[in-house]
Amino acid sequence: MAPAARLAFVMLVALGVRLGLALLPFDYSGPDSVTYLEPARSLARGEGYLAADGTPSASRPPGYPAFLAVVFLAFGDGPGGLAAVRGLQALLGALTVGLVHEAVRATAPAGARPAAIVAAVALAVDPVSAGQGPFLLREALLSFGVAALVRALTLRPARVRALAVGLTLAGLALTHQLYVLVGPFLALADLGRAWGRAGPRAALRRAPVWVLAGVLVAWPVTLWALRNERVTGHRSFTLAQNAVVHRELWLTVMCPNAWLPSDPATGYQESAFTQEGHMYELLGLEGTRRELLRRAAEAWREHPLRSLGRTLRINAWYWLELPGAVRLVEHPRLQVARWGALPLHWARLVAAAAGLWFVLRDPRWARLRPLAALVAFFAFAPALLYPIPRYLAPACPVLAALAGVALATAPRPAWLPASRAEAVGA
């Protein structure tokens, strides 16, 4: 089979898997879905970016609601429009597979060309990526954006790469405010490598590329923050007019649950959100942020080991669980799917860890070393702020690329003939 036909087949498999999941009799909306759907519906009606009560909304950045609004303009905002959203997100999942394939293909050394198709297959059937695709949440769009960023990081020449990276980072930041931090992770890693290899002058020569990327991100982010100031009276450079970072710092160290799905039994999260609501009524937004930060700092001061243990425990579930795990456990039939998918998810994590080792140690994979910075972002940014499994879903393109590197580069088992290994890789 020709390489192009082979990739097309894998992308069709990815599309089929995601469409099949979207057709299951399962409610793929979450508690956050309405906060995207209402601004999207108001945008589609030409009424502006409004919340459910008709007031200007600043609770969500505009990326995913704008995506929904485009679909609603074409298909309406009723059941047909929601089905179209799921179908288009399935298509984005297939395109994500293609982007990862092209990124690995463009950077793989001659002896490891099969790594690209291995990465594509790993992502096509990945339970986390496919399982998150039908949800009316922004993770599907973020996954596509991360895959586009991975591809942009492998482009040549440098000017084209800088422009593509900057534009992609801007799109990610306008979809999720936390992704403003991706650029600094990438820049620090790149400048640090240049400094380590050739000294500070080499780092300075690379700095303008990241300055350009930063400007491309800062321009739309600042415009959105100024819009928030105009409609709410508060300039929010984090894009969301709420206590999102401070809340998560507090929730993480206070959460007593041993396992994420135990929350419906303990009612911890609902109680915490009720407390935050009372704070907001009494103290306002800035006062609530200060109070939540004070409580988090107090917990670390008075119970450092307990706070550390809770943070490490909840971060372990962030990596080891599946998106929607709470819903899957409660569902009378689909919990079987969760238990069946977990081993595949864990195997992919092991392969990705091996791929990261190869990328960092083998000079032939040097062009994929920015993936290490992306892994660091997912490990330290979303994970430390009250991680839930679906926050890891956008990392799937990165993990699949690394898994492809590992499976195509690892030593061939002695019992596997060379010709057979090549056939499997191809």
Protein backbone atom coordinates (compact mmCIF):
# COMPACT_ATOMS: atom_id res chain seq x y z
CA MET A 1 0.00 0.00 0.00
CA ALA A 2 1.33 3.44 -0.93
CA PRO A 3 2.21 5.73 2.04
CA ALA A 4 -0.54 8.23 1.19
CA ALA A 5 -3.16 5.48 0.89
CA ARG A 6 -1.96 3.94 4.15
CA LEU A 7 -2.33 7.25 5.99
CA ALA A 8 -5.77 7.83 4.43
CA PHE A 9 -6.86 4.39 5.66
CA VAL A 10 -5.67 5.10 9.22
CA MET A 11 -7.46 8.47 9.21
CA LEU A 12 -10.66 6.76 8.05
CA VAL A 13 -10.30 4.30 10.92
CA ALA A 14 -9.91 7.23 13.31
CA LEU A 15 -12.99 8.89 11.85
CA GLY A 16 -15.00 5.67 12.06
CA VAL A 17 -14.06 5.04 15.68
CA ARG A 18 -15.05 8.56 16.72
CA LEU A 19 -18.29 8.58 14.74
CA GLY A 20 -19.17 5.20 16.22
CA LEU A 21 -18.71 6.55 19.73
CA ALA A 22 -20.75 9.65 18.90
CA LEU A 23 -23.68 7.44 17.88
CA LEU A 24 -23.81 5.56 21.19
CA PRO A 25 -26.91 6.27 23.36
CA PHE A 26 -24.90 8.29 25.86
CA ASP A 27 -25.26 11.89 27.01
CA TYR A 28 -22.01 13.51 25.89
CA SER A 29 -22.73 16.85 27.53
CA GLY A 30 -21.06 17.83 30.78
CA PRO A 31 -21.82 20.39 33.49
CA ASP A 32 -19.59 22.89 31.66
CA SER A 33 -21.25 22.39 28.27
CA VAL A 34 -23.89 25.07 28.80
CA THR A 35 -21.19 27.68 29.40
CA TYR A 36 -20.00 27.10 25.82
CA LEU A 37 -23.37 26.48 24.19
CA GLU A 38 -25.12 29.65 25.36
CA PRO A 39 -22.46 32.11 24.09
CA ALA A 40 -22.28 30.09 20.87
CA ARG A 41 -26.04 30.31 20.34
CA SER A 42 -26.06 34.04 21.00
CA LEU A 43 -23.17 34.50 18.56
CA ALA A 44 -25.01 32.47 15.92
CA ARG A 45 -28.08 34.67 16.41
CA GLY A 46 -25.96 37.80 15.98
CA GLU A 47 -26.62 38.98 19.54
CA GLY A 48 -23.05 39.00 20.79
CA TYR A 49 -21.19 36.88 23.32
CA LEU A 50 -23.87 36.42 25.98
CA ALA A 51 -24.51 34.12 28.93
CA ALA A 52 -27.79 32.23 29.48
CA ASP A 53 -29.30 35.21 31.33
CA GLY A 54 -28.63 37.56 28.39
CA THR A 55 -25.75 39.44 30.00
CA PRO A 56 -22.30 39.71 28.35
CA SER A 57 -20.30 36.61 29.19
CA ALA A 58 -16.65 36.52 30.20
CA SER A 59 -16.59 33.14 31.90
CA ARG A 60 -15.15 31.31 28.88
CA PRO A 61 -12.60 32.36 26.26
CA PRO A 62 -14.12 32.63 22.78
CA GLY A 63 -12.39 29.81 20.88
CA TYR A 64 -14.74 26.87 21.40
CA PRO A 65 -17.97 28.93 21.48
CA ALA A 66 -16.93 30.53 18.17
CA PHE A 67 -16.34 27.06 16.71
CA LEU A 68 -19.81 25.99 17.88
CA ALA A 69 -21.37 29.17 16.51
CA VAL A 70 -20.04 28.46 13.01
CA VAL A 71 -21.62 25.00 13.12
CA PHE A 72 -24.91 26.41 14.46
CA LEU A 73 -25.02 28.94 11.63
CA ALA A 74 -24.92 26.07 9.14
CA PHE A 75 -27.05 23.45 10.93
CA GLY A 76 -29.02 25.30 13.59
CA ASP A 77 -28.54 25.08 17.35
CA GLY A 78 -31.01 22.26 17.99
CA PRO A 79 -30.41 18.48 18.06
CA GLY A 80 -29.28 18.54 14.41
CA GLY A 81 -26.69 21.19 15.16
CA LEU A 82 -25.38 19.30 18.18
CA ALA A 83 -25.08 16.14 16.08
CA ALA A 84 -23.18 18.16 13.47
CA VAL A 85 -20.80 19.39 16.17
CA ARG A 86 -20.03 15.81 17.18
CA GLY A 87 -19.55 14.81 13.57
CA LEU A 88 -17.20 17.72 12.91
CA GLN A 89 -15.24 16.94 16.08
CA ALA A 90 -14.86 13.37 14.80
CA LEU A 91 -13.46 14.82 11.58
CA LEU A 92 -11.07 17.01 13.59
CA GLY A 93 -9.93 13.84 15.35
CA ALA A 94 -9.08 12.25 12.01
CA LEU A 95 -7.22 15.39 10.90
CA THR A 96 -5.34 15.35 14.21
CA VAL A 97 -4.07 11.88 13.29
CA GLY A 98 -2.85 13.23 9.95
CA LEU A 99 -1.04 16.15 11.55
CA VAL A 100 0.80 13.90 14.01
CA HIS A 101 1.79 11.56 11.18
CA GLU A 102 3.22 14.42 9.15
CA ALA A 103 5.12 15.85 12.12
CA VAL A 104 6.84 12.54 12.87
CA ARG A 105 7.40 11.75 9.19
CA ALA A 106 9.09 15.12 8.64
CA THR A 107 11.53 14.62 11.51
CA ALA A 108 12.17 10.87 11.62
CA PRO A 109 15.62 9.64 10.59
CA ALA A 110 15.74 7.44 7.51
CA GLY A 111 15.95 4.22 9.50
CA ALA A 112 12.86 5.02 11.56
CA ARG A 113 10.35 6.14 8.92
CA PRO A 114 7.70 3.68 10.19
CA ALA A 115 7.48 5.79 13.35
CA ALA A 116 5.05 8.14 11.59
CA ILE A 117 2.46 5.50 10.76
CA VAL A 118 2.90 3.86 14.16
CA ALA A 119 2.14 7.21 15.82
CA ALA A 120 -0.88 7.69 13.57
CA VAL A 121 -2.29 4.25 14.41
CA ALA A 122 -1.67 4.80 18.13
CA LEU A 123 -3.67 8.04 18.04
CA ALA A 124 -6.40 6.69 15.75
CA VAL A 125 -7.43 4.00 18.25
CA ASP A 126 -6.39 5.82 21.43
CA PRO A 127 -9.20 5.45 24.00
CA VAL A 128 -8.60 8.84 25.60
CA SER A 129 -8.54 10.82 22.33
CA ALA A 130 -11.46 8.94 20.79
CA GLY A 131 -13.48 8.89 23.99
CA GLN A 132 -13.27 12.64 24.51
CA GLY A 133 -14.16 13.46 20.90
CA PRO A 134 -17.99 13.35 21.11
CA PHE A 135 -18.26 15.50 24.26
CA LEU A 136 -19.62 19.04 23.93
CA LEU A 137 -16.48 20.34 25.56
CA ARG A 138 -13.39 22.07 24.18
CA GLU A 139 -10.94 19.16 24.54
CA ALA A 140 -11.54 17.91 20.99
CA LEU A 141 -10.68 21.35 19.58
CA LEU A 142 -7.68 21.65 21.91
CA SER A 143 -6.40 18.25 20.77
CA PHE A 144 -6.53 19.42 17.17
CA GLY A 145 -4.73 22.62 18.16
CA VAL A 146 -1.98 20.72 19.98
CA ALA A 147 -1.50 18.46 16.95
CA ALA A 148 -1.28 21.56 14.73
CA LEU A 149 1.32 22.96 17.13
CA VAL A 150 3.35 19.74 16.99
CA ARG A 151 3.31 19.98 13.20
CA ALA A 152 4.18 23.68 13.26
CA LEU A 153 7.21 22.98 15.45
CA THR A 154 8.61 20.71 12.72
CA LEU A 155 8.19 23.12 9.79
CA ARG A 156 11.03 24.68 7.85
CA PRO A 157 12.37 27.32 7.25
CA ALA A 158 12.58 29.00 10.65
CA ARG A 159 10.48 32.03 9.62
CA VAL A 160 7.60 29.84 8.55
CA ARG A 161 7.93 27.81 11.73
CA ALA A 162 7.87 30.92 13.94
CA LEU A 163 4.75 32.28 12.23
CA ALA A 164 2.91 28.94 12.36
CA VAL A 165 3.84 28.35 16.00
CA GLY A 166 2.74 31.84 17.03
CA LEU A 167 -0.62 31.60 15.27
CA THR A 168 -1.27 28.14 16.68
CA LEU A 169 -0.38 29.24 20.20
CA ALA A 170 -2.77 32.18 19.82
CA GLY A 171 -5.59 29.84 18.82
CA LEU A 172 -4.89 27.58 21.79
CA ALA A 173 -4.78 30.52 24.22
CA LEU A 174 -8.13 31.80 22.94
CA THR A 175 -9.60 28.34 23.49
CA HIS A 176 -8.25 27.71 26.99
CA GLN A 177 -6.62 30.41 29.09
CA LEU A 178 -4.14 27.97 30.66
CA TYR A 179 -2.56 27.40 27.24
CA VAL A 180 -1.06 30.89 27.42
CA LEU A 181 1.69 29.06 29.31
CA VAL A 182 2.58 26.69 26.44
CA GLY A 183 4.69 29.33 24.69
CA PRO A 184 6.89 30.04 27.72
CA PHE A 185 7.46 26.28 28.23
CA LEU A 186 8.56 25.91 24.61
CA ALA A 187 10.65 29.09 24.59
CA LEU A 188 12.51 28.31 27.81
CA ALA A 189 13.30 24.79 26.65
CA ASP A 190 14.54 25.97 23.24
CA LEU A 191 16.60 28.87 24.57
CA GLY A 192 18.03 26.66 27.32
CA ARG A 193 19.17 24.07 24.77
CA ALA A 194 20.76 26.76 22.59
CA TRP A 195 22.56 28.25 25.61
CA GLY A 196 23.80 24.82 26.71
CA ARG A 197 25.16 23.95 23.25
CA ALA A 198 26.72 27.23 22.15
CA GLY A 199 26.44 29.78 24.95
CA PRO A 200 24.32 32.90 25.56
CA ARG A 201 24.87 34.39 22.10
CA ALA A 202 23.22 31.39 20.49
CA ALA A 203 20.25 31.82 22.82
CA LEU A 204 20.03 35.52 21.95
CA ARG A 205 20.01 34.70 18.24
CA ARG A 206 16.99 32.46 18.78
CA ALA A 207 15.15 34.91 21.02
CA PRO A 208 13.55 37.00 18.20
CA VAL A 209 11.65 33.92 17.00
CA TRP A 210 9.98 33.56 20.39
CA VAL A 211 9.40 37.29 20.68
CA LEU A 212 7.46 37.12 17.40
CA ALA A 213 5.47 34.15 18.66
CA GLY A 214 4.76 36.00 21.91
CA VAL A 215 3.48 39.05 20.06
CA LEU A 216 1.18 36.88 17.96
CA VAL A 217 -0.27 35.42 21.17
CA ALA A 218 -0.38 38.65 23.17
CA TRP A 219 -2.29 40.64 20.54
CA PRO A 220 -5.57 38.63 20.51
CA VAL A 221 -5.31 37.81 24.22
CA THR A 222 -5.02 41.50 25.07
CA LEU A 223 -7.94 42.38 22.80
CA TRP A 224 -10.08 39.80 24.60
CA ALA A 225 -8.96 41.10 28.01
CA LEU A 226 -9.89 44.66 26.97
CA ARG A 227 -13.28 43.40 25.82
CA ASN A 228 -13.77 41.78 29.23
CA GLU A 229 -12.92 45.07 30.90
CA ARG A 230 -15.45 46.89 28.74
CA VAL A 231 -18.35 44.54 29.52
CA THR A 232 -17.52 43.61 33.13
CA GLY A 233 -15.43 46.44 34.50
CA HIS A 234 -12.51 44.09 35.20
CA ARG A 235 -9.55 43.59 32.89
CA SER A 236 -8.81 39.87 32.90
CA PHE A 237 -5.63 38.81 31.10
CA THR A 238 -6.40 35.21 31.99
CA LEU A 239 -9.44 35.46 29.70
CA ALA A 240 -11.88 33.99 32.24
CA GLN A 241 -13.66 36.31 34.66
CA ASN A 242 -13.62 33.90 37.58
CA ALA A 243 -11.34 32.57 40.31
CA VAL A 244 -10.29 29.56 38.27
CA VAL A 245 -6.61 29.30 39.23
CA HIS A 246 -7.05 30.20 42.88
CA ARG A 247 -10.02 27.84 43.20
CA GLU A 248 -8.08 24.89 41.83
CA LEU A 249 -5.10 25.53 44.11
CA TRP A 250 -7.48 25.38 47.06
CA LEU A 251 -9.50 22.40 45.83
CA THR A 252 -6.40 20.31 45.23
CA VAL A 253 -5.03 20.50 48.75
CA MET A 254 -8.47 20.18 50.39
CA CYS A 255 -9.88 17.25 48.37
CA PRO A 256 -10.26 14.20 50.68
CA ASN A 257 -11.34 11.75 47.95
CA ALA A 258 -9.10 8.73 47.55
CA TRP A 259 -10.40 8.20 44.01
CA LEU A 260 -11.96 10.67 41.62
CA PRO A 261 -15.31 8.90 41.15
CA SER A 262 -15.88 8.96 44.92
CA ASP A 263 -16.94 12.61 44.67
CA PRO A 264 -20.67 11.83 44.14
CA ALA A 265 -20.55 9.93 47.43
CA THR A 266 -18.71 12.58 49.44
CA GLY A 267 -20.22 15.66 47.81
CA TYR A 268 -16.92 17.45 48.34
CA GLN A 269 -16.77 19.36 45.07
CA GLU A 270 -20.38 20.56 45.26
CA SER A 271 -19.78 21.76 48.81
CA ALA A 272 -16.59 23.56 47.76
CA PHE A 273 -18.35 25.34 44.90
CA THR A 274 -21.13 26.41 47.30
CA GLN A 275 -18.53 27.89 49.62
CA GLU A 276 -16.94 29.74 46.72
CA GLY A 277 -20.33 31.16 45.73
CA HIS A 278 -20.83 32.56 49.23
CA MET A 279 -17.34 34.08 49.11
CA TYR A 280 -18.13 35.76 45.80
CA GLU A 281 -21.32 37.30 47.21
CA LEU A 282 -19.48 38.67 50.25
CA LEU A 283 -16.05 39.53 48.87
CA GLY A 284 -16.43 39.96 45.10
CA LEU A 285 -14.11 38.42 42.54
CA GLU A 286 -10.78 39.82 43.74
CA GLY A 287 -11.63 39.21 47.37
CA THR A 288 -12.59 35.62 46.56
CA ARG A 289 -9.31 35.06 44.76
CA ARG A 290 -7.35 36.38 47.75
CA GLU A 291 -9.34 34.28 50.21
CA LEU A 292 -8.96 31.07 48.20
CA LEU A 293 -5.22 31.66 47.86
CA ARG A 294 -5.00 32.36 51.60
CA ARG A 295 -6.79 29.10 52.41
CA ALA A 296 -4.56 27.10 50.06
CA ALA A 297 -1.41 28.63 51.58
CA GLU A 298 -2.73 27.97 55.07
CA ALA A 299 -3.33 24.29 54.23
CA TRP A 300 0.23 23.92 52.94
CA ARG A 301 1.60 25.69 56.01
CA GLU A 302 -0.35 23.71 58.60
CA HIS A 303 -0.44 20.31 56.85
CA PRO A 304 2.45 20.18 54.36
CA LEU A 305 2.64 16.39 54.12
CA ARG A 306 -1.12 15.97 53.77
CA SER A 307 -1.26 18.69 51.12
CA LEU A 308 1.62 17.13 49.22
CA GLY A 309 0.02 13.69 49.42
CA ARG A 310 -3.31 14.95 48.11
CA THR A 311 -1.63 16.83 45.29
CA LEU A 312 0.41 13.78 44.24
CA ARG A 313 -2.60 11.47 44.50
CA ILE A 314 -4.88 13.58 42.39
CA ASN A 315 -2.10 14.11 39.84
CA ALA A 316 -1.66 10.36 39.59
CA TRP A 317 -5.33 10.00 38.68
CA TYR A 318 -4.90 12.74 36.10
CA TRP A 319 -2.51 10.46 34.20
CA LEU A 320 -3.99 7.06 35.01
CA GLU A 321 -7.74 7.64 34.63
CA LEU A 322 -9.88 8.18 31.53
CA PRO A 323 -11.93 11.23 30.50
CA GLY A 324 -15.45 10.89 31.80
CA ALA A 325 -14.38 8.18 34.24
CA VAL A 326 -16.95 9.28 36.82
CA ARG A 327 -19.78 8.99 34.31
CA LEU A 328 -18.44 5.67 33.00
CA VAL A 329 -18.29 4.16 36.48
CA GLU A 330 -21.87 5.22 37.20
CA HIS A 331 -23.24 4.01 33.85
CA PRO A 332 -24.70 0.48 34.10
CA ARG A 333 -23.23 -0.69 30.77
CA LEU A 334 -20.41 1.60 29.69
CA GLN A 335 -18.30 0.93 32.78
CA VAL A 336 -17.18 -2.22 30.95
CA ALA A 337 -15.74 -0.02 28.20
CA ARG A 338 -13.77 1.94 30.75
CA TRP A 339 -12.14 -1.14 32.27
CA GLY A 340 -11.36 -2.45 28.80
CA ALA A 341 -9.77 0.82 27.71
CA LEU A 342 -7.60 1.41 30.77
CA PRO A 343 -4.91 -1.17 29.83
CA LEU A 344 -4.59 0.42 26.37
CA HIS A 345 -4.24 3.83 27.98
CA TRP A 346 -1.56 2.59 30.38
CA ALA A 347 0.35 0.81 27.60
CA ARG A 348 0.36 4.06 25.61
CA LEU A 349 1.74 5.96 28.62
CA VAL A 350 4.60 3.45 28.99
CA ALA A 351 5.40 3.67 25.27
CA ALA A 352 5.30 7.48 25.39
CA ALA A 353 7.72 7.53 28.33
CA ALA A 354 10.11 5.33 26.35
CA GLY A 355 9.70 7.60 23.32
CA LEU A 356 10.53 10.64 25.41
CA TRP A 357 13.73 8.91 26.54
CA PHE A 358 14.70 8.22 22.91
CA VAL A 359 13.93 11.80 21.83
CA LEU A 360 16.08 13.27 24.60
CA ARG A 361 18.97 10.80 24.28
CA ASP A 362 19.17 10.01 20.56
CA PRO A 363 20.48 12.92 18.42
CA ARG A 364 18.63 11.52 15.40
CA TRP A 365 15.37 12.65 17.02
CA ALA A 366 16.62 16.14 17.93
CA ARG A 367 13.91 17.90 15.89
CA LEU A 368 11.23 16.33 18.08
CA ARG A 369 12.75 17.54 21.34
CA PRO A 370 10.16 20.35 21.69
CA LEU A 371 7.75 17.52 22.56
CA ALA A 372 9.54 17.28 25.91
CA ALA A 373 8.50 20.87 26.67
CA LEU A 374 4.90 20.02 25.80
CA VAL A 375 5.02 17.02 28.13
CA ALA A 376 6.34 19.32 30.85
CA PHE A 377 3.46 21.72 30.25
CA PHE A 378 0.86 18.98 30.66
CA ALA A 379 2.67 17.57 33.69
CA PHE A 380 3.00 20.86 35.56
CA ALA A 381 0.37 23.32 34.33
CA PRO A 382 -3.07 21.64 34.11
CA ALA A 383 -2.02 18.78 36.39
CA LEU A 384 -1.18 20.98 39.37
CA LEU A 385 -4.46 22.91 39.17
CA TYR A 386 -7.06 20.39 40.36
CA PRO A 387 -6.45 17.92 37.55
CA ILE A 388 -9.30 15.91 36.14
CA PRO A 389 -8.73 13.23 33.49
CA ARG A 390 -10.15 15.13 30.53
CA TYR A 391 -7.50 17.83 30.98
CA LEU A 392 -5.00 15.26 29.70
CA ALA A 393 -6.97 14.54 26.51
CA PRO A 394 -5.29 17.33 24.48
CA ALA A 395 -1.91 15.75 25.28
CA CYS A 396 -2.83 12.65 23.27
CA PRO A 397 -1.20 13.88 20.02
CA VAL A 398 2.08 14.41 21.89
CA LEU A 399 1.89 11.04 23.65
CA ALA A 400 1.03 9.26 20.40
CA ALA A 401 3.99 10.84 18.60
CA LEU A 402 6.31 9.74 21.40
CA ALA A 403 4.79 6.26 21.42
CA GLY A 404 5.46 6.04 17.68
CA VAL A 405 9.08 6.98 18.25
CA ALA A 406 9.44 4.29 20.91
CA LEU A 407 7.77 1.49 18.99
CA ALA A 408 9.76 2.24 15.85
CA THR A 409 13.12 2.80 17.58
CA ALA A 410 13.18 0.22 20.37
CA PRO A 411 15.41 -2.82 19.76
CA ARG A 412 13.71 -5.60 17.85
CA PRO A 413 12.86 -8.65 19.97
CA ALA A 414 15.10 -11.62 19.22
CA TRP A 415 12.10 -13.83 18.40
CA LEU A 416 10.77 -11.37 15.79
CA PRO A 417 12.37 -11.70 12.31
CA ALA A 418 13.63 -8.46 10.79
CA SER A 419 11.31 -8.69 7.83
CA ARG A 420 8.33 -9.12 10.10
CA ALA A 421 9.36 -6.16 12.27
CA GLU A 422 9.61 -3.99 9.19
CA ALA A 423 6.22 -5.14 8.00
CA VAL A 424 4.64 -4.33 11.34
CA GLY A 425 6.29 -0.90 11.44
CA ALA A 426 5.30 -0.15 7.87
